[in-house]
Structure formats: structure tokens, C-alpha cells
C-alpha atoms as a PDB file:
ATOM      1  CA  MET A   1     114.283 128.128 117.420  1.00  0.00           C
ATOM      2  CA  ILE A   2     111.639 130.052 115.046  1.00  0.00           C
ATOM      3  CA  ASN A   3     113.269 132.629 112.897  1.00  0.00           C
ATOM      4  CA  THR A   4     111.142 135.820 113.632  1.00  0.00           C
ATOM      5  CA  ASP A   5     111.825 137.165 110.364  1.00  0.00           C
ATOM      6  CA  ASP A   6     109.356 134.396 108.739  1.00  0.00           C
ATOM      7  CA  MET A   7     106.533 135.938 110.947  1.00  0.00           C
ATOM      8  CA  SER A   8     106.194 138.723 108.271  1.00  0.00           C
ATOM      9  CA  VAL A   9     105.480 136.049 105.572  1.00  0.00           C
ATOM     10  CA  ASN A  10     101.982 134.637 104.875  1.00  0.00           C
ATOM     11  CA  VAL A  11     101.462 130.900 105.027  1.00  0.00           C
ATOM     12  CA  LEU A  12      97.888 131.421 104.114  1.00  0.00           C
ATOM     13  CA  SER A  13      96.225 134.354 102.247  1.00  0.00           C
ATOM     14  CA  VAL A  14      92.333 134.298 101.550  1.00  0.00           C
ATOM     15  CA  LYS A  15      90.408 136.907 100.238  1.00  0.00           C
ATOM     16  CA  GLY A  16      86.825 137.518  99.178  1.00  0.00           C
ATOM     17  CA  VAL A  17      85.242 134.377  99.903  1.00  0.00           C
ATOM     18  CA  ASN A  18      81.471 133.832  99.493  1.00  0.00           C
ATOM     19  CA  LYS A  19      79.644 130.770  99.993  1.00  0.00           C
ATOM     20  CA  SER A  20      75.484 130.169  99.715  1.00  0.00           C
ATOM     21  CA  PHE A  21      73.620 127.198 100.514  1.00  0.00           C
ATOM     22  CA  GLY A  22      70.691 127.581  98.401  1.00  0.00           C
ATOM     23  CA  GLY A  23      69.320 131.007  99.433  1.00  0.00           C
ATOM     24  CA  LEU A  24      71.173 131.165 102.525  1.00  0.00           C
ATOM     25  CA  LYS A  25      74.392 133.216 102.293  1.00  0.00           C
ATOM     26  CA  ALA A  26      76.652 131.708 104.673  1.00  0.00           C
ATOM     27  CA  LEU A  27      79.652 133.885 103.965  1.00  0.00           C
ATOM     28  CA  THR A  28      80.205 137.169 102.570  1.00  0.00           C
ATOM     29  CA  ASP A  29      83.329 138.636 101.542  1.00  0.00           C
ATOM     30  CA  VAL A  30      85.394 136.785 104.028  1.00  0.00           C
ATOM     31  CA  GLY A  31      89.226 136.795 104.166  1.00  0.00           C
ATOM     32  CA  LEU A  32      92.159 136.594 106.300  1.00  0.00           C
ATOM     33  CA  GLU A  33      96.038 136.460 106.316  1.00  0.00           C
ATOM     34  CA  VAL A  34      98.035 133.941 108.560  1.00  0.00           C
ATOM     35  CA  LYS A  35     101.638 134.824 109.190  1.00  0.00           C
ATOM     36  CA  LYS A  36     104.191 132.110 109.263  1.00  0.00           C
ATOM     37  CA  ASN A  37     105.085 130.694 112.783  1.00  0.00           C
ATOM     38  CA  THR A  38     101.735 131.919 114.450  1.00  0.00           C
ATOM     39  CA  VAL A  39      98.604 131.031 115.849  1.00  0.00           C
ATOM     40  CA  TYR A  40      95.607 132.400 114.221  1.00  0.00           C
ATOM     41  CA  GLY A  41      92.235 132.223 116.108  1.00  0.00           C
ATOM     42  CA  LEU A  42      88.789 132.315 114.280  1.00  0.00           C
ATOM     43  CA  ILE A  43      85.746 132.840 116.732  1.00  0.00           C
ATOM     44  CA  GLY A  44      82.187 133.949 116.756  1.00  0.00           C
ATOM     45  CA  PRO A  45      78.924 133.052 118.087  1.00  0.00           C
ATOM     46  CA  ASN A  46      76.888 130.034 116.926  1.00  0.00           C
ATOM     47  CA  GLY A  47      75.990 130.144 113.308  1.00  0.00           C
ATOM     48  CA  ALA A  48      78.539 132.773 112.535  1.00  0.00           C
ATOM     49  CA  GLY A  49      79.924 131.025 109.368  1.00  0.00           C
ATOM     50  CA  LYS A  50      83.218 129.783 111.309  1.00  0.00           C
ATOM     51  CA  THR A  51      82.828 126.193 110.365  1.00  0.00           C
ATOM     52  CA  THR A  52      81.668 126.768 106.952  1.00  0.00           C
ATOM     53  CA  PHE A  53      84.729 129.200 106.384  1.00  0.00           C
ATOM     54  CA  PHE A  54      86.960 126.616 107.818  1.00  0.00           C
ATOM     55  CA  ASN A  55      85.342 123.748 105.654  1.00  0.00           C
ATOM     56  CA  VAL A  56      86.106 125.687 102.624  1.00  0.00           C
ATOM     57  CA  ILE A  57      89.740 126.545 103.043  1.00  0.00           C
ATOM     58  CA  THR A  58      90.326 122.844 103.785  1.00  0.00           C
ATOM     59  CA  GLY A  59      88.390 121.527 100.911  1.00  0.00           C
ATOM     60  CA  LEU A  60      85.239 120.019 102.213  1.00  0.00           C
ATOM     61  CA  TYR A  61      83.087 122.931 100.706  1.00  0.00           C
ATOM     62  CA  THR A  62      83.504 124.315  97.109  1.00  0.00           C
ATOM     63  CA  PRO A  63      83.296 128.249  97.271  1.00  0.00           C
ATOM     64  CA  ASP A  64      81.164 130.140  95.309  1.00  0.00           C
ATOM     65  CA  SER A  65      84.134 132.587  94.850  1.00  0.00           C
ATOM     66  CA  GLY A  66      87.483 133.469  96.523  1.00  0.00           C
ATOM     67  CA  GLU A  67      91.280 133.829  96.284  1.00  0.00           C
ATOM     68  CA  PHE A  68      93.490 131.371  98.144  1.00  0.00           C
ATOM     69  CA  VAL A  69      97.258 131.301  98.483  1.00  0.00           C
ATOM     70  CA  LEU A  70      99.380 128.961 100.470  1.00  0.00           C
ATOM     71  CA  ASN A  71     103.019 129.872 100.637  1.00  0.00           C
ATOM     72  CA  GLY A  72     102.886 132.234  97.907  1.00  0.00           C
ATOM     73  CA  LYS A  73     101.290 129.788  95.551  1.00  0.00           C
ATOM     74  CA  PRO A  74      97.610 129.865  94.482  1.00  0.00           C
ATOM     75  CA  TYR A  75      95.718 126.751  95.408  1.00  0.00           C
ATOM     76  CA  GLN A  76      92.047 125.589  94.804  1.00  0.00           C
ATOM     77  CA  PRO A  77      90.405 123.954  97.637  1.00  0.00           C
ATOM     78  CA  ILE A  78      88.548 121.616  95.388  1.00  0.00           C
ATOM     79  CA  ASN A  79      88.888 118.476  97.735  1.00  0.00           C
ATOM     80  CA  VAL A  80      90.366 117.386 101.024  1.00  0.00           C
ATOM     81  CA  HIS A  81      93.077 115.235  99.390  1.00  0.00           C
ATOM     82  CA  LYS A  82      94.444 117.917  97.100  1.00  0.00           C
ATOM     83  CA  VAL A  83      94.507 120.565 100.254  1.00  0.00           C
ATOM     84  CA  ALA A  84      96.279 118.052 102.293  1.00  0.00           C
ATOM     85  CA  GLU A  85      98.880 117.634  99.518  1.00  0.00           C
ATOM     86  CA  ALA A  86      99.090 121.405  99.021  1.00  0.00           C
ATOM     87  CA  GLY A  87     100.065 121.503 102.975  1.00  0.00           C
ATOM     88  CA  ILE A  88      97.018 121.882 104.976  1.00  0.00           C
ATOM     89  CA  ALA A  89      96.145 119.346 107.483  1.00  0.00           C
ATOM     90  CA  ARG A  90      93.312 119.495 109.934  1.00  0.00           C
ATOM     91  CA  THR A  91      91.017 118.091 112.679  1.00  0.00           C
ATOM     92  CA  PHE A  92      87.545 117.830 113.373  1.00  0.00           C
ATOM     93  CA  GLN A  93      85.348 119.094 116.050  1.00  0.00           C
ATOM     94  CA  ASN A  94      83.742 115.251 116.231  1.00  0.00           C
ATOM     95  CA  ILE A  95      86.672 113.137 116.475  1.00  0.00           C
ATOM     96  CA  ARG A  96      87.464 111.135 113.346  1.00  0.00           C
ATOM     97  CA  LEU A  97      89.621 108.257 114.059  1.00  0.00           C
ATOM     98  CA  PHE A  98      90.074 104.609 112.994  1.00  0.00           C
ATOM     99  CA  GLY A  99      88.545 103.293 116.158  1.00  0.00           C
ATOM    100  CA  GLN A 100      89.584  99.580 115.395  1.00  0.00           C
ATOM    101  CA  MET A 101      93.006 100.580 114.231  1.00  0.00           C
ATOM    102  CA  THR A 102      95.989 101.322 116.831  1.00  0.00           C
ATOM    103  CA  ALA A 103      97.340 104.660 117.653  1.00  0.00           C
ATOM    104  CA  VAL A 104     100.208 104.131 115.876  1.00  0.00           C
ATOM    105  CA  GLU A 105      98.563 102.740 112.729  1.00  0.00           C
ATOM    106  CA  ASN A 106      96.365 105.915 112.858  1.00  0.00           C
ATOM    107  CA  VAL A 107      99.199 108.194 112.529  1.00  0.00           C
ATOM    108  CA  MET A 108     100.826 105.972 109.934  1.00  0.00           C
ATOM    109  CA  VAL A 109      97.415 106.500 107.624  1.00  0.00           C
ATOM    110  CA  GLY A 110      98.177 110.231 107.845  1.00  0.00           C
ATOM    111  CA  ARG A 111     101.829 109.861 106.835  1.00  0.00           C
ATOM    112  CA  HIS A 112     100.961 108.121 103.655  1.00  0.00           C
ATOM    113  CA  VAL A 113      99.911 111.355 101.834  1.00  0.00           C
ATOM    114  CA  ARG A 114     103.809 111.945 101.597  1.00  0.00           C
ATOM    115  CA  THR A 115     104.729 108.404 100.720  1.00  0.00           C
ATOM    116  CA  HIS A 116     106.072 107.111  97.205  1.00  0.00           C
ATOM    117  CA  GLY A 117     105.373 103.572  97.162  1.00  0.00           C
ATOM    118  CA  GLY A 118     102.410 102.442  95.092  1.00  0.00           C
ATOM    119  CA  ILE A 119      99.753  99.625  95.417  1.00  0.00           C
ATOM    120  CA  ILE A 120     102.136  97.549  92.882  1.00  0.00           C
ATOM    121  CA  GLY A 121     105.092  97.918  95.194  1.00  0.00           C
ATOM    122  CA  SER A 122     103.004  96.958  98.466  1.00  0.00           C
ATOM    123  CA  ILE A 123     101.657  93.745  96.712  1.00  0.00           C
ATOM    124  CA  PHE A 124     105.133  92.711  95.781  1.00  0.00           C
ATOM    125  CA  GLY A 125     106.947  93.712  98.687  1.00  0.00           C
ATOM    126  CA  PHE A 126     109.709  95.511  96.934  1.00  0.00           C
ATOM    127  CA  LYS A 127     112.623  96.639  99.396  1.00  0.00           C
ATOM    128  CA  SER A 128     112.009 100.350  98.743  1.00  0.00           C
ATOM    129  CA  VAL A 129     108.306 100.096  99.976  1.00  0.00           C
ATOM    130  CA  ARG A 130     109.416  97.978 102.953  1.00  0.00           C
ATOM    131  CA  GLU A 131     111.971 100.527 103.949  1.00  0.00           C
ATOM    132  CA  GLU A 132     109.347 103.067 103.536  1.00  0.00           C
ATOM    133  CA  GLU A 133     106.886 101.371 105.628  1.00  0.00           C
ATOM    134  CA  LYS A 134     109.390 101.053 108.203  1.00  0.00           C
ATOM    135  CA  ALA A 135     110.204 104.917 107.984  1.00  0.00           C
ATOM    136  CA  ILE A 136     106.683 105.809 108.338  1.00  0.00           C
ATOM    137  CA  ARG A 137     106.102 103.634 111.649  1.00  0.00           C
ATOM    138  CA  GLU A 138     109.253 105.209 113.160  1.00  0.00           C
ATOM    139  CA  ARG A 139     107.847 108.596 112.221  1.00  0.00           C
ATOM    140  CA  ALA A 140     104.453 107.503 113.676  1.00  0.00           C
ATOM    141  CA  MET A 141     105.964 106.564 117.102  1.00  0.00           C
ATOM    142  CA  ALA A 142     108.035 109.710 117.035  1.00  0.00           C
ATOM    143  CA  LEU A 143     104.976 111.762 116.689  1.00  0.00           C
ATOM    144  CA  LEU A 144     103.132 109.921 119.520  1.00  0.00           C
ATOM    145  CA  ASP A 145     105.826 110.503 121.650  1.00  0.00           C
ATOM    146  CA  TYR A 146     105.965 114.262 120.743  1.00  0.00           C
ATOM    147  CA  VAL A 147     102.107 114.715 121.808  1.00  0.00           C
ATOM    148  CA  GLY A 148     102.721 112.701 124.823  1.00  0.00           C
ATOM    149  CA  ILE A 149     100.984 109.576 124.262  1.00  0.00           C
ATOM    150  CA  SER A 150     103.633 107.105 122.826  1.00  0.00           C
ATOM    151  CA  LYS A 151     102.908 104.388 125.870  1.00  0.00           C
ATOM    152  CA  TYR A 152      99.637 103.967 124.270  1.00  0.00           C
ATOM    153  CA  HIS A 153     100.801 103.225 120.685  1.00  0.00           C
ATOM    154  CA  ASP A 154      99.222  99.748 120.613  1.00  0.00           C
ATOM    155  CA  TYR A 155      96.117 100.794 122.024  1.00  0.00           C
ATOM    156  CA  LEU A 156      92.839 100.538 119.731  1.00  0.00           C
ATOM    157  CA  ALA A 157      92.030 104.358 119.322  1.00  0.00           C
ATOM    158  CA  MET A 158      88.572 103.714 120.590  1.00  0.00           C
ATOM    159  CA  ASN A 159      89.857 102.508 123.682  1.00  0.00           C
ATOM    160  CA  LEU A 160      92.131 105.682 124.313  1.00  0.00           C
ATOM    161  CA  SER A 161      90.532 108.419 126.708  1.00  0.00           C
ATOM    162  CA  TYR A 162      88.908 111.477 125.113  1.00  0.00           C
ATOM    163  CA  GLY A 163      91.812 113.572 125.674  1.00  0.00           C
ATOM    164  CA  HIS A 164      94.217 111.203 124.377  1.00  0.00           C
ATOM    165  CA  GLN A 165      91.943 110.639 121.057  1.00  0.00           C
ATOM    166  CA  ARG A 166      92.365 114.480 120.708  1.00  0.00           C
ATOM    167  CA  ARG A 167      96.163 114.338 120.812  1.00  0.00           C
ATOM    168  CA  LEU A 168      96.064 111.395 118.614  1.00  0.00           C
ATOM    169  CA  GLU A 169      94.231 113.333 115.890  1.00  0.00           C
ATOM    170  CA  ILE A 170      96.734 116.220 116.105  1.00  0.00           C
ATOM    171  CA  ALA A 171      99.599 113.551 115.699  1.00  0.00           C
ATOM    172  CA  ARG A 172      97.935 112.041 112.616  1.00  0.00           C
ATOM    173  CA  ALA A 173      97.547 115.610 111.281  1.00  0.00           C
ATOM    174  CA  LEU A 174     101.284 116.507 111.882  1.00  0.00           C
ATOM    175  CA  ALA A 175     102.154 113.321 110.135  1.00  0.00           C
ATOM    176  CA  THR A 176     101.398 114.996 106.930  1.00  0.00           C
ATOM    177  CA  ASP A 177     104.039 117.559 107.390  1.00  0.00           C
ATOM    178  CA  PRO A 178     101.509 120.525 107.120  1.00  0.00           C
ATOM    179  CA  GLN A 179     102.505 124.007 106.164  1.00  0.00           C
ATOM    180  CA  LEU A 180      99.364 125.022 108.194  1.00  0.00           C
ATOM    181  CA  LEU A 181      97.766 123.038 110.797  1.00  0.00           C
ATOM    182  CA  ALA A 182      94.018 123.592 110.985  1.00  0.00           C
ATOM    183  CA  LEU A 183      92.197 122.597 114.180  1.00  0.00           C
ATOM    184  CA  ASP A 184      88.334 122.818 114.452  1.00  0.00           C
ATOM    185  CA  GLU A 185      87.468 123.315 118.219  1.00  0.00           C
ATOM    186  CA  PRO A 186      90.332 120.850 119.714  1.00  0.00           C
ATOM    187  CA  ALA A 187      89.242 121.888 123.241  1.00  0.00           C
ATOM    188  CA  ALA A 188      85.702 120.596 123.054  1.00  0.00           C
ATOM    189  CA  GLY A 189      84.479 118.585 125.546  1.00  0.00           C
ATOM    190  CA  MET A 190      87.671 118.639 127.589  1.00  0.00           C
ATOM    191  CA  ASN A 191      88.030 119.435 131.097  1.00  0.00           C
ATOM    192  CA  ALA A 192      90.286 122.041 132.820  1.00  0.00           C
ATOM    193  CA  THR A 193      93.104 120.000 133.268  1.00  0.00           C
ATOM    194  CA  GLU A 194      93.044 118.703 129.620  1.00  0.00           C
ATOM    195  CA  LYS A 195      92.434 122.349 128.138  1.00  0.00           C
ATOM    196  CA  LEU A 196      95.699 123.323 129.946  1.00  0.00           C
ATOM    197  CA  GLU A 197      97.727 120.581 128.653  1.00  0.00           C
ATOM    198  CA  LEU A 198      96.265 121.063 124.923  1.00  0.00           C
ATOM    199  CA  THR A 199      97.358 124.914 125.377  1.00  0.00           C
ATOM    200  CA  LYS A 200     100.945 123.738 126.261  1.00  0.00           C
ATOM    201  CA  LEU A 201     101.203 121.360 123.302  1.00  0.00           C
ATOM    202  CA  LEU A 202      99.932 123.719 120.860  1.00  0.00           C
ATOM    203  CA  ARG A 203     102.364 126.247 121.908  1.00  0.00           C
ATOM    204  CA  LYS A 204     105.128 123.755 121.490  1.00  0.00           C
ATOM    205  CA  ILE A 205     103.724 123.011 118.042  1.00  0.00           C
ATOM    206  CA  SER A 206     103.668 126.515 117.334  1.00  0.00           C
ATOM    207  CA  ASP A 207     107.346 127.239 118.657  1.00  0.00           C
ATOM    208  CA  ASP A 208     108.614 124.260 116.599  1.00  0.00           C
ATOM    209  CA  GLY A 209     107.546 126.067 113.572  1.00  0.00           C
ATOM    210  CA  VAL A 210     103.996 124.828 112.485  1.00  0.00           C
ATOM    211  CA  THR A 211     101.501 127.510 111.708  1.00  0.00           C
ATOM    212  CA  ILE A 212      98.246 127.156 113.541  1.00  0.00           C
ATOM    213  CA  LEU A 213      94.661 128.178 112.307  1.00  0.00           C
ATOM    214  CA  ILE A 214      92.138 127.322 115.113  1.00  0.00           C
ATOM    215  CA  ILE A 215      88.394 127.746 115.712  1.00  0.00           C
ATOM    216  CA  GLU A 216      87.561 127.510 119.232  1.00  0.00           C
ATOM    217  CA  HIS A 217      84.474 128.370 121.435  1.00  0.00           C
ATOM    218  CA  ASP A 218      86.588 128.750 124.680  1.00  0.00           C
ATOM    219  CA  VAL A 219      87.322 132.614 124.713  1.00  0.00           C
ATOM    220  CA  LYS A 220      89.882 132.306 127.493  1.00  0.00           C
ATOM    221  CA  LEU A 221      91.983 129.594 125.648  1.00  0.00           C
ATOM    222  CA  ILE A 222      91.886 131.111 122.397  1.00  0.00           C
ATOM    223  CA  MET A 223      92.559 134.711 123.740  1.00  0.00           C
ATOM    224  CA  GLY A 224      95.661 133.673 125.630  1.00  0.00           C
ATOM    225  CA  LEU A 225      96.934 131.350 122.678  1.00  0.00           C
ATOM    226  CA  CYS A 226      96.512 133.322 119.509  1.00  0.00           C
ATOM    227  CA  ASP A 227      98.526 136.122 117.805  1.00  0.00           C
ATOM    228  CA  GLN A 228      95.997 137.265 115.607  1.00  0.00           C
ATOM    229  CA  MET A 229      92.256 136.624 115.140  1.00  0.00           C
ATOM    230  CA  THR A 230      89.222 136.948 113.213  1.00  0.00           C
ATOM    231  CA  VAL A 231      85.614 137.454 114.417  1.00  0.00           C
ATOM    232  CA  LEU A 232      82.789 136.618 112.289  1.00  0.00           C
ATOM    233  CA  ASP A 233      79.153 137.085 112.631  1.00  0.00           C
ATOM    234  CA  TYR A 234      76.368 136.037 110.392  1.00  0.00           C
ATOM    235  CA  GLY A 235      78.971 135.139 107.846  1.00  0.00           C
ATOM    236  CA  LYS A 236      80.624 138.416 107.889  1.00  0.00           C
ATOM    237  CA  ILE A 237      83.913 139.700 109.436  1.00  0.00           C
ATOM    238  CA  LEU A 238      83.146 141.866 112.501  1.00  0.00           C
ATOM    239  CA  ALA A 239      86.409 142.378 113.741  1.00  0.00           C
ATOM    240  CA  GLN A 240      90.236 141.427 112.949  1.00  0.00           C
ATOM    241  CA  GLY A 241      93.372 142.055 114.595  1.00  0.00           C
ATOM    242  CA  LEU A 242      95.453 141.271 117.972  1.00  0.00           C
ATOM    243  CA  PRO A 243      93.626 139.527 120.645  1.00  0.00           C
ATOM    244  CA  GLU A 244      93.874 142.569 123.018  1.00  0.00           C
ATOM    245  CA  ASP A 245      92.239 144.944 120.518  1.00  0.00           C
ATOM    246  CA  VAL A 246      89.382 142.330 119.565  1.00  0.00           C
ATOM    247  CA  ARG A 247      88.654 141.713 123.136  1.00  0.00           C
ATOM    248  CA  LYS A 248      87.932 145.451 123.701  1.00  0.00           C
ATOM    249  CA  ASN A 249      85.952 145.689 120.546  1.00  0.00           C
ATOM    250  CA  PRO A 250      82.355 146.871 121.441  1.00  0.00           C
ATOM    251  CA  LEU A 251      80.910 145.098 118.386  1.00  0.00           C
ATOM    252  CA  VAL A 252      82.703 141.844 119.652  1.00  0.00           C
ATOM    253  CA  ILE A 253      81.570 142.458 123.001  1.00  0.00           C
ATOM    254  CA  GLU A 254      78.025 142.950 122.139  1.00  0.00           C
ATOM    255  CA  ALA A 255      78.070 139.930 119.428  1.00  0.00           C
ATOM    256  CA  TYR A 256      79.983 137.309 121.075  1.00  0.00           C
ATOM    257  CA  LEU A 257      81.932 137.974 124.385  1.00  0.00           C
ATOM    258  CA  GLY A 258      79.578 139.525 126.839  1.00  0.00           C
ATOM    259  CA  GLY A 259      79.937 142.356 129.252  1.00  0.00           C
ATOM    260  CA  ALA A 260      81.800 140.057 131.476  1.00  0.00           C
ATOM    261  CA  HIS A 261      84.741 139.908 129.044  1.00  0.00           C
ATOM    262  CA  SER A 262      84.866 143.667 128.607  1.00  0.00           C
END
């Protein structure tokens, strides 16, 4: 069960993020605070800067300036590997799996960020490394079961359905034991049934104590899922707060949601 006292603690605190590409100012003084054991949404119209901000937080882009704190400790998002080691795992809008590897092998790859056996140990087959590999496989199988696709463990990732590939990406991200799970449009390309199942899975992940930061274009999905949210427009913060307050914000309605959602 979740300790509700934890919800007053920030897992991620980001302040004053600026990012330019040549003469284009993509982000201007953007920040947010994500509480532990919550789902935090990031929305905005196309070109609002959502993905740029997401890529800065997760180490794909280097910010021009900004302060970054994860679980009370400053971190520098200088590359994706350091960010993963710090405790942030992410998925991508365009699925990035190893298509010629099985589902369980894909999850095992994610788990290796938390392993201790080195190259030498693998080459010489040290007992400790063999035991660790066995534990990694067992953990990977458990995660496939957790996301509901364990019976496809030996399928090549490329042969899985679209919805199952999305679940596999989430399982691989969870294999890193993240403090924050960052999801980039996980419902993109899904039908209504798949979106419903995804929502149930994300709620389960959150209920089990993993904090989630999510970009999503499906307004209905994100409004029903998130505890807090930020709306970006032209690289600046347009609104922040509870979904019901954001939904009623006239600036948000004009810029993104449209009159049908007012």
C-alpha cells in the first residue's frame, strides 16, 4: 500500500529550464514539482515544447540553464545513462525495442543498468555472474507478468502486437527500478480498448509506488489519470495545478482543449 505521507515529498523538482536551438527559444523558464506516488501530466498543443522539456529531463538534450533535483539530490541530465542510473526511466513516442530479441531479452537489457557483473566475469562465466543473470531473467519474467504479457516472453519483439510492444517498453523501463517513470505518449496509436487497458496498468504502477511523469495528447485519458499537470504553450508555462482547475482555465481552453472541453 502507498504511504500517503510520501505524497508531500518531491521526487522530481525542476526549475528555470531554458533551451534554445540556434535562434529558436524552445523553453523559457520552465519548471515543475512531481510529488512521490503521483501521476504528473504534461500537455500542450503541437510545438509547445513538451518533448523538448521531456528530453532535457531525461538527458537527451543539454539545457542552457536549469536546476534539477531527484529525490532530494541535485542531478545533471548530461546523458541518458547517467539519468537512468540516477533513477529516471523513460519510454519513447516511437517504440524503440530490439526487434530481433525476445520480449524477455528486451526486459533483461533494461535490468542491466542495476547489475554488478562486468565484462570479465561474463567472459569467464564466474558463478556470481551466472547467478546474477539467472536473477535478471527471473525479474524480467516477473515484470512481463506484471504488465500482462508473460505468455509472449519468447516472442521476438517485432512480432508482438502494437499494444503489447507498448507494454513491453514499460516493462523494460520498470526493470531499471526507477524512482520516476517518464512516459512519452504511451497511448499514441492505440485503439479505445488498448487505451483503457493502458490506463488500468498505469494506475496499478502508480498504486504500487512508482511515480509517473507522462506526456499525452489524449486529453480524456490524461485528465482522468493525473493528479497534477502542467500545460506548455510556445515553450512557456501556461497553467499548472489540479486537472479540474487546468481544465477550466480559459487560457488552456483557448490554446489547447477547445470549447468542447470547457
